[in-house]
Protein backbone atom coordinates (compact mmCIF):
# COMPACT_ATOMS: atom_id res chain seq x y z
CA MET A 1 51.22 -35.91 -10.89
CA ALA A 2 49.90 -36.87 -7.44
CA ASN A 3 48.20 -40.14 -6.80
CA VAL A 4 44.71 -39.27 -5.48
CA THR A 5 44.40 -41.16 -2.20
CA PRO A 6 41.75 -40.80 0.54
CA GLU A 7 44.39 -39.22 2.80
CA ILE A 8 45.26 -36.55 0.24
CA VAL A 9 41.60 -35.75 -0.40
CA LYS A 10 40.91 -35.51 3.34
CA ALA A 11 43.84 -33.14 3.85
CA ILE A 12 42.69 -30.92 0.98
CA PHE A 13 39.16 -30.70 2.34
CA VAL A 14 40.46 -29.75 5.79
CA GLY A 15 42.03 -26.75 4.07
CA PHE A 16 38.75 -26.02 2.30
CA GLY A 17 37.05 -26.03 5.69
CA LYS A 18 39.30 -23.17 6.82
CA ASN A 19 38.54 -21.28 3.60
CA PHE A 20 34.82 -21.73 4.26
CA LYS A 21 35.12 -20.41 7.83
CA ASP A 22 37.15 -17.43 6.61
CA GLY A 23 34.34 -16.61 4.18
CA LEU A 24 31.73 -16.89 6.92
CA ALA A 25 33.69 -14.46 9.09
CA LYS A 26 34.22 -11.87 6.35
CA ALA A 27 30.57 -11.43 5.41
CA PRO A 28 29.06 -8.18 6.72
CA SER A 29 25.82 -8.80 8.58
CA GLN A 30 22.92 -6.37 9.02
CA PHE A 31 19.90 -8.64 9.40
CA SER A 32 20.01 -9.03 13.20
CA LYS A 33 19.45 -5.29 13.62
CA ILE A 34 15.87 -5.57 12.33
CA ALA A 35 15.04 -9.27 12.74
CA THR A 36 14.49 -11.53 15.72
CA VAL A 37 16.17 -14.91 15.30
CA VAL A 38 13.77 -17.69 16.30
CA PRO A 39 15.19 -21.24 16.60
CA SER A 40 13.07 -23.89 14.92
CA SER A 41 12.93 -27.62 15.63
CA THR A 42 10.18 -28.60 13.19
CA ALA A 43 9.30 -28.22 9.52
CA ALA A 44 7.27 -25.09 10.30
CA ASN A 45 6.53 -22.81 13.25
CA THR A 46 3.08 -21.37 13.96
CA TYR A 47 2.94 -17.95 15.64
CA ALA A 48 -0.59 -18.06 17.02
CA TRP A 49 0.14 -15.33 19.57
CA LEU A 50 0.71 -12.63 16.94
CA GLY A 51 -2.09 -10.14 17.20
CA GLN A 52 -1.68 -9.56 20.91
CA MET A 53 0.58 -6.91 22.42
CA PRO A 54 0.71 -7.51 26.19
CA GLY A 55 0.01 -4.64 28.57
CA LEU A 56 -0.74 -4.25 32.29
CA LYS A 57 -4.10 -3.12 33.60
CA GLU A 58 -5.21 -2.12 37.10
CA TRP A 59 -5.90 -5.31 39.05
CA ILE A 60 -9.46 -5.02 40.31
CA GLY A 61 -11.25 -8.28 41.09
CA ASP A 62 -9.99 -11.24 39.08
CA ARG A 63 -6.73 -10.97 37.17
CA ALA A 64 -7.29 -9.59 33.65
CA ILE A 65 -6.43 -12.24 31.09
CA THR A 66 -6.48 -11.36 27.41
CA ALA A 67 -7.26 -14.27 25.11
CA ILE A 68 -4.60 -14.81 22.48
CA GLN A 69 -6.05 -14.37 19.04
CA THR A 70 -5.39 -17.47 16.95
CA HIS A 71 -4.40 -16.14 13.56
CA GLY A 72 -2.70 -19.32 12.42
CA TYR A 73 0.29 -17.45 11.01
CA SER A 74 2.88 -20.04 10.06
CA ILE A 75 6.42 -19.92 8.66
CA ALA A 76 7.59 -23.06 6.86
CA ASN A 77 11.31 -23.67 6.68
CA LYS A 78 12.94 -23.82 3.26
CA LYS A 79 16.08 -25.67 2.18
CA TRP A 80 19.06 -23.78 0.79
CA ALA A 81 22.19 -25.25 -0.75
CA SER A 82 25.19 -24.57 -2.96
CA ALA A 83 28.39 -26.41 -3.84
CA VAL A 84 31.72 -26.28 -5.64
CA GLU A 85 32.97 -29.25 -7.65
CA ILE A 86 36.68 -30.08 -7.53
CA ALA A 87 37.99 -31.97 -10.52
CA ARG A 88 40.10 -35.02 -9.73
CA THR A 89 42.53 -33.91 -12.43
CA ASP A 90 43.20 -30.68 -10.51
CA ILE A 91 44.15 -32.74 -7.48
CA GLU A 92 46.37 -34.93 -9.62
CA ASP A 93 48.03 -31.83 -11.11
CA ASP A 94 48.44 -30.13 -7.71
CA ASN A 95 46.16 -27.31 -8.84
CA VAL A 96 43.67 -27.21 -5.96
CA GLY A 97 44.73 -23.69 -4.92
CA VAL A 98 42.42 -22.24 -7.55
CA TYR A 99 39.44 -23.51 -5.54
CA SER A 100 40.29 -21.73 -2.28
CA PRO A 101 38.71 -18.37 -3.31
CA LEU A 102 35.59 -20.22 -4.51
CA ILE A 103 35.20 -22.07 -1.21
CA GLU A 104 35.73 -18.82 0.70
CA GLU A 105 33.07 -17.15 -1.43
CA LEU A 106 30.79 -20.11 -0.68
CA GLY A 107 31.19 -19.35 3.02
CA ARG A 108 30.52 -15.67 2.46
CA SER A 109 27.36 -16.44 0.50
CA ALA A 110 26.15 -18.74 3.26
CA ALA A 111 26.65 -16.00 5.86
CA GLU A 112 24.82 -13.46 3.70
CA LEU A 113 21.73 -15.65 3.26
CA PRO A 114 19.93 -14.20 6.33
CA ASP A 115 20.51 -10.66 5.03
CA GLU A 116 19.13 -11.57 1.63
CA LEU A 117 16.04 -13.15 3.17
CA VAL A 118 15.35 -10.52 5.83
CA PHE A 119 15.73 -7.44 3.66
CA GLY A 120 14.04 -9.28 0.81
CA ALA A 121 11.05 -9.78 3.13
CA LEU A 122 11.01 -6.08 3.96
CA LYS A 123 10.95 -5.22 0.26
CA ALA A 124 8.25 -7.82 -0.40
CA GLY A 125 6.08 -6.47 2.40
CA PHE A 126 3.82 -4.64 -0.06
CA THR A 127 2.65 -7.92 -1.58
CA THR A 128 3.12 -10.51 1.21
CA GLU A 129 0.59 -11.22 3.97
CA CYS A 130 1.37 -11.02 7.67
CA TYR A 131 -0.59 -12.40 10.64
CA ASP A 132 -3.80 -10.37 10.05
CA LYS A 133 -4.13 -11.62 6.46
CA GLN A 134 -3.29 -8.15 5.13
CA TYR A 135 -0.07 -7.29 3.35
CA PHE A 136 2.64 -6.40 5.88
CA PHE A 137 2.64 -2.88 4.43
CA ASP A 138 -0.99 -2.02 3.77
CA THR A 139 -3.51 0.80 4.04
CA ASP A 140 -6.25 -1.16 5.79
CA HIS A 141 -4.97 -3.19 8.73
CA PRO A 142 -8.04 -3.89 10.92
CA VAL A 143 -7.59 -2.69 14.49
CA GLY A 144 -10.05 -2.94 17.38
CA ALA A 145 -13.62 -1.85 16.86
CA THR A 146 -15.53 1.38 16.34
CA VAL A 147 -18.33 2.61 18.61
CA ASP A 148 -20.74 -0.01 17.25
CA GLY A 149 -18.45 -2.65 18.71
CA LYS A 150 -18.31 -4.65 15.49
CA THR A 151 -16.54 -2.82 12.70
CA PRO A 152 -12.73 -2.68 12.94
CA LYS A 153 -10.94 0.54 12.16
CA ASN A 154 -8.58 0.46 9.18
CA VAL A 155 -5.03 1.65 9.90
CA SER A 156 -2.28 2.28 7.35
CA ASN A 157 1.45 1.74 7.81
CA ILE A 158 2.33 3.34 4.47
CA THR A 159 3.12 6.98 3.73
CA ASP A 160 2.83 7.92 0.06
CA ASP A 161 3.68 11.47 -1.04
CA ASN A 162 2.29 10.80 -4.55
CA THR A 163 5.62 11.51 -6.27
CA SER A 164 5.44 8.24 -8.25
CA VAL A 165 8.25 6.65 -6.22
CA ALA A 166 8.28 2.92 -7.02
CA GLU A 167 7.97 0.36 -4.23
CA ALA A 168 11.47 -0.81 -5.13
CA ASP A 169 12.78 2.63 -4.03
CA ALA A 170 10.77 2.83 -0.82
CA TRP A 171 12.42 3.39 2.55
CA TYR A 172 11.36 2.17 5.97
CA LEU A 173 11.04 3.20 9.59
CA LEU A 174 11.22 0.41 12.17
CA ASP A 175 10.84 0.05 15.91
CA CYS A 176 13.57 -2.45 16.80
CA GLY A 177 13.72 -1.65 20.49
CA ARG A 178 11.53 -4.54 21.66
CA SER A 179 12.02 -8.24 22.24
CA LEU A 180 10.27 -9.05 18.97
CA LYS A 181 11.55 -7.07 16.02
CA PRO A 182 9.49 -6.36 12.87
CA ILE A 183 10.96 -9.28 10.89
CA ILE A 184 11.30 -12.89 12.07
CA TYR A 185 14.26 -14.94 10.90
CA GLN A 186 13.42 -18.56 11.63
CA GLU A 187 16.42 -20.92 11.65
CA ARG A 188 16.04 -24.69 11.57
CA LYS A 189 19.61 -25.45 10.50
CA SER A 190 22.44 -22.95 10.24
CA PRO A 191 24.72 -23.11 7.17
CA THR A 192 26.56 -26.43 7.49
CA PRO A 193 29.36 -27.74 5.24
CA ALA A 194 28.71 -30.98 3.36
CA SER A 195 31.12 -32.81 1.11
CA ILE A 196 31.71 -35.82 -1.11
CA THR A 197 35.27 -37.04 -0.59
CA ASP A 198 35.02 -40.82 -0.99
CA VAL A 199 37.08 -41.83 -4.01
CA ASN A 200 34.64 -44.70 -4.52
CA ASP A 201 31.51 -42.54 -4.42
CA GLU A 202 29.23 -42.92 -7.46
CA LYS A 203 29.44 -39.23 -8.34
CA VAL A 204 33.23 -39.31 -8.20
CA PHE A 205 33.22 -42.42 -10.39
CA MET A 206 30.77 -41.03 -12.96
CA LYS A 207 31.83 -37.37 -13.13
CA ASP A 208 35.40 -37.51 -11.86
CA VAL A 209 34.76 -34.70 -9.38
CA PHE A 210 34.69 -34.27 -5.63
CA THR A 211 32.27 -31.82 -4.01
CA TYR A 212 32.43 -29.23 -1.23
CA GLY A 213 29.06 -27.73 -0.43
CA VAL A 214 26.86 -26.09 2.16
CA ASP A 215 23.21 -26.49 3.10
CA ALA A 216 20.83 -24.76 5.47
CA ARG A 217 17.16 -24.68 6.46
CA SER A 218 15.47 -21.41 7.38
CA ASN A 219 12.89 -18.85 6.33
CA VAL A 220 11.59 -15.40 7.16
CA GLY A 221 8.25 -13.96 8.17
CA TYR A 222 6.71 -10.92 9.80
CA GLY A 223 6.16 -9.84 13.37
CA PHE A 224 3.92 -6.93 14.32
CA TRP A 225 3.14 -4.64 11.36
CA GLN A 226 2.64 -1.84 13.88
CA MET A 227 6.41 -1.72 14.34
CA ALA A 228 7.16 -0.99 10.69
CA HIS A 229 6.24 1.85 8.34
CA ALA A 230 7.03 2.13 4.63
CA VAL A 231 7.45 5.41 2.79
CA LYS A 232 6.82 5.54 -0.95
CA GLY A 233 8.21 9.00 -1.41
CA LYS A 234 11.28 11.19 -1.34
CA LEU A 235 13.60 11.00 1.64
CA THR A 236 12.92 14.46 3.04
CA ALA A 237 12.53 15.93 6.52
CA GLU A 238 8.82 16.46 5.87
CA ASN A 239 8.20 12.84 4.87
CA LEU A 240 10.31 11.55 7.74
CA TRP A 241 8.25 13.53 10.25
CA LYS A 242 5.04 12.26 8.64
CA ALA A 243 6.20 8.66 9.00
CA ILE A 244 7.40 9.16 12.60
CA SER A 245 4.08 10.77 13.55
CA ALA A 246 2.10 7.98 11.89
CA MET A 247 4.00 5.29 13.81
CA ARG A 248 3.70 7.12 17.11
CA ALA A 249 -0.07 7.43 16.64
CA VAL A 250 -0.75 3.71 16.12
CA GLN A 251 -3.10 2.29 18.72
CA GLY A 252 -4.14 -1.21 19.70
CA ASP A 253 -7.53 -2.68 20.49
CA GLY A 254 -9.66 -0.46 22.69
CA GLY A 255 -7.65 2.62 21.74
CA LYS A 256 -4.68 1.52 23.85
CA ARG A 257 -1.48 3.39 23.11
CA LEU A 258 1.29 1.01 22.04
CA GLY A 259 4.24 3.31 22.64
CA ILE A 260 5.77 2.70 19.22
CA ARG A 261 9.10 4.53 18.92
CA PRO A 262 10.94 4.24 15.59
CA THR A 263 14.58 3.40 16.21
CA HIS A 264 15.93 2.51 12.75
CA ILE A 265 15.59 3.82 9.22
CA VAL A 266 16.37 1.40 6.38
CA VAL A 267 17.16 2.72 2.91
CA PRO A 268 18.34 1.15 -0.36
CA PRO A 269 21.84 2.02 -1.60
CA SER A 270 20.31 4.50 -4.08
CA LEU A 271 19.29 6.72 -1.14
CA GLU A 272 22.52 6.50 0.85
CA LYS A 273 23.62 10.06 0.03
CA GLU A 274 20.26 11.59 0.96
CA ALA A 275 20.08 9.52 4.15
CA VAL A 276 23.56 10.52 5.32
CA GLN A 277 22.85 14.18 4.62
CA LEU A 278 19.51 14.09 6.44
CA LEU A 279 20.51 12.00 9.45
CA GLU A 280 24.20 12.48 10.17
CA ARG A 281 25.06 16.13 9.53
CA GLU A 282 24.99 18.80 12.25
CA TYR A 283 22.93 21.09 10.06
CA ARG A 284 20.50 20.70 7.20
CA VAL A 285 19.19 23.18 4.65
CA GLU A 286 15.60 24.33 5.00
CA ASN A 287 14.16 27.07 2.76
CA GLY A 288 17.67 27.97 1.66
CA ALA A 289 19.01 28.44 5.19
CA ALA A 290 21.07 26.21 7.47
CA VAL A 291 19.15 24.96 10.52
CA ASP A 292 20.02 22.59 13.35
CA ASN A 293 19.47 19.00 12.27
CA GLU A 294 16.91 17.57 14.70
CA PHE A 295 17.35 14.11 13.16
CA LYS A 296 21.04 13.74 14.01
CA GLY A 297 21.39 10.84 16.45
CA ARG A 298 17.64 10.18 16.52
CA LEU A 299 17.61 7.08 14.28
CA THR A 300 20.08 4.32 13.41
CA LEU A 301 20.71 4.31 9.67
CA ILE A 302 20.93 1.03 7.78
CA VAL A 303 21.89 1.16 4.12
CA ALA A 304 20.72 -2.31 3.16
CA ASP A 305 22.78 -4.01 0.46
CA TYR A 306 19.99 -6.48 -0.30
CA LEU A 307 17.10 -4.04 -0.39
């Protein structure tokens, strides 16, 4: 039986630190493909400039300056935390090795948090507002004005083939080729280890356990809805063309073309087989015959684990 001294505890937690870093490194990451990471230095960030897509105009007379619409869209940071408790008796009995996989899994979970939040936001887009006070995926986003100069035109970024496909099984087209991607991942504090190692700490005295944990501060929100399109329908060539055409046709205020070009398709694991067959094979079957697959190489496929 080992005598639990501060030096022994410190040495053990140095080892736990390596386990945590190993877990961080092993976690697969997909979120950065569809989300822009925005550093945060306050409790919340306000994105007042959302609602304006910059574009050049012919310079005649004074320089054209477009007023930024103040939508007041704000993302408040949330706190995230988890921890593993290490019993003093396990240190006394030289049994701390059993905690190494748990600490490594703690690191993996911390690294996967952005993926959970980002793809969770995509899935929640049917019921969560974006900068224009409409749901991110909605049928009536107000854009510009009609000929009377007052009434905005309603634009949809949803394709529904009326096959009763649930929102949970929807798939998504995204334009991720710009500086601002469709989802915003706002990071105030990256996952940071925290521990209780003082043998005289109140928790150690009362519960006879030490603690290795992690905490972070971050949140997610939405960028331009124009750069995302949801499909509540089967993953077919026909529906994919409908969604591509709908995104390409989106206009801004004054009928200005926005040049939206879908670059990524995001599907849940339940549609992985259909997605691979539609997007990655040289040929696809159409009306019982093999035809060249025009989708091969056109879009980057993301099979999102947390969708």
